[in-house]
Amino acid sequence: MDKNGFSSFLLGLGVGIGIGMLFAPKSGADTRQLIKDKTGEGTDFLKQRGAEIRDSASDMLAKSKEALNRQKDTIADAMEAGKQAYRDAVNQPPQPPAAEGTAH
């Protein structure tokens, strides 16, 4: 649920409670119990959505860490390959100069 959806939910909950109180044919005690029950339902809904959002964020964080570790490994492999190429070039015996054509 996005920020606007959450705001709409809370606004709807408040308006519903207010209208219910105005038109309730029940006694004050019954109305208070109804409000308490509806508030509990809203709280349960928010807890459930919060848990879903937290789980989703945890999954995204884990995937990001995995991608970062893969990139780190790729960079480390590339650096090692570069170091090895440098070592090979330094340790390679010098090549004799190419023979030039004779001048007449």
Protein backbone atom coordinates (compact mmCIF):
# COMPACT_ATOMS: atom_id res chain seq x y z
CA MET A 1 0.00 0.00 0.00
CA ASP A 2 1.45 3.34 -0.95
CA LYS A 3 1.33 6.52 1.11
CA ASN A 4 -1.85 7.75 -0.58
CA GLY A 5 -3.58 4.41 -0.06
CA PHE A 6 -2.67 4.43 3.62
CA SER A 7 -3.95 8.00 4.03
CA SER A 8 -7.17 7.08 2.26
CA PHE A 9 -7.60 4.09 4.55
CA LEU A 10 -7.20 6.21 7.67
CA LEU A 11 -9.53 8.90 6.33
CA GLY A 12 -12.15 6.29 5.47
CA LEU A 13 -11.81 4.71 8.88
CA GLY A 14 -12.33 8.05 10.62
CA VAL A 15 -15.28 9.05 8.46
CA GLY A 16 -16.87 5.65 8.95
CA ILE A 17 -16.55 5.86 12.71
CA GLY A 18 -17.95 9.39 12.73
CA ILE A 19 -20.96 8.51 10.60
CA GLY A 20 -21.52 5.39 12.62
CA MET A 21 -21.61 7.40 15.82
CA LEU A 22 -24.11 9.90 14.37
CA PHE A 23 -26.55 7.32 13.04
CA ALA A 24 -26.05 4.53 15.55
CA PRO A 25 -29.32 3.27 17.00
CA LYS A 26 -27.34 1.60 19.76
CA SER A 27 -26.64 2.64 23.32
CA GLY A 28 -23.46 4.49 24.25
CA ALA A 29 -21.84 1.31 25.60
CA ASP A 30 -22.64 -0.62 22.41
CA THR A 31 -21.36 2.22 20.25
CA ARG A 32 -18.13 2.43 22.26
CA GLN A 33 -17.65 -1.33 21.86
CA LEU A 34 -18.28 -1.05 18.11
CA ILE A 35 -15.70 1.72 17.84
CA LYS A 36 -13.23 -0.35 19.86
CA ASP A 37 -13.80 -3.37 17.61
CA LYS A 38 -13.38 -1.33 14.41
CA THR A 39 -10.25 0.32 15.76
CA GLY A 40 -8.87 -3.14 16.56
CA GLU A 41 -9.61 -4.25 13.00
CA GLY A 42 -7.75 -1.21 11.67
CA THR A 43 -4.82 -1.92 13.96
CA ASP A 44 -4.69 -5.55 12.83
CA PHE A 45 -4.75 -4.44 9.20
CA LEU A 46 -1.88 -2.01 9.79
CA LYS A 47 0.16 -4.65 11.62
CA GLN A 48 -0.33 -7.10 8.75
CA ARG A 49 0.63 -4.55 6.12
CA GLY A 50 3.62 -3.47 8.20
CA ALA A 51 4.84 -7.07 8.40
CA GLU A 52 4.40 -7.49 4.63
CA ILE A 53 6.33 -4.29 3.93
CA ARG A 54 9.09 -5.29 6.36
CA ASP A 55 9.41 -8.73 4.72
CA SER A 56 9.50 -7.15 1.27
CA ALA A 57 12.19 -4.70 2.36
CA SER A 58 14.22 -7.55 3.87
CA ASP A 59 14.01 -9.48 0.60
CA MET A 60 15.13 -6.45 -1.40
CA LEU A 61 18.03 -5.85 1.00
CA ALA A 62 19.16 -9.47 0.72
CA LYS A 63 19.02 -9.33 -3.09
CA SER A 64 20.99 -6.07 -3.07
CA LYS A 65 23.66 -7.62 -0.86
CA GLU A 66 23.92 -10.62 -3.20
CA ALA A 67 24.30 -8.36 -6.24
CA LEU A 68 26.93 -6.29 -4.45
CA ASN A 69 28.89 -9.41 -3.52
CA ARG A 70 28.76 -10.63 -7.12
CA GLN A 71 30.08 -7.27 -8.34
CA LYS A 72 32.81 -7.35 -5.71
CA ASP A 73 33.86 -10.83 -6.84
CA THR A 74 33.85 -9.75 -10.49
CA ILE A 75 36.05 -6.75 -9.72
CA ALA A 76 38.42 -8.88 -7.63
CA ASP A 77 38.71 -11.40 -10.50
CA ALA A 78 39.39 -8.60 -13.00
CA MET A 79 42.06 -7.10 -10.75
CA GLU A 80 43.74 -10.49 -10.32
CA ALA A 81 43.70 -11.03 -14.09
CA GLY A 82 45.29 -7.61 -14.58
CA LYS A 83 47.98 -8.36 -12.00
CA GLN A 84 48.72 -11.70 -13.66
CA ALA A 85 48.97 -10.06 -17.09
CA TYR A 86 51.41 -7.52 -15.64
CA ARG A 87 53.50 -10.28 -14.03
CA ASP A 88 53.55 -12.22 -17.30
CA ALA A 89 54.65 -9.12 -19.24
CA VAL A 90 57.40 -8.26 -16.73
CA ASN A 91 58.73 -11.81 -16.53
CA GLN A 92 58.69 -12.39 -20.28
CA PRO A 93 62.20 -12.39 -21.81
CA PRO A 94 62.94 -9.37 -23.98
CA GLN A 95 62.26 -9.85 -27.68
CA PRO A 96 65.11 -9.16 -30.09
CA PRO A 97 64.53 -6.15 -32.29
CA ALA A 98 63.05 -6.91 -35.66
CA ALA A 99 65.61 -7.16 -38.46
CA GLU A 100 65.49 -4.20 -40.77
CA GLY A 101 66.21 -4.47 -44.45
CA THR A 102 69.77 -3.78 -45.57
CA ALA A 103 70.51 -0.46 -47.20
CA HIS A 104 72.29 -0.37 -50.63
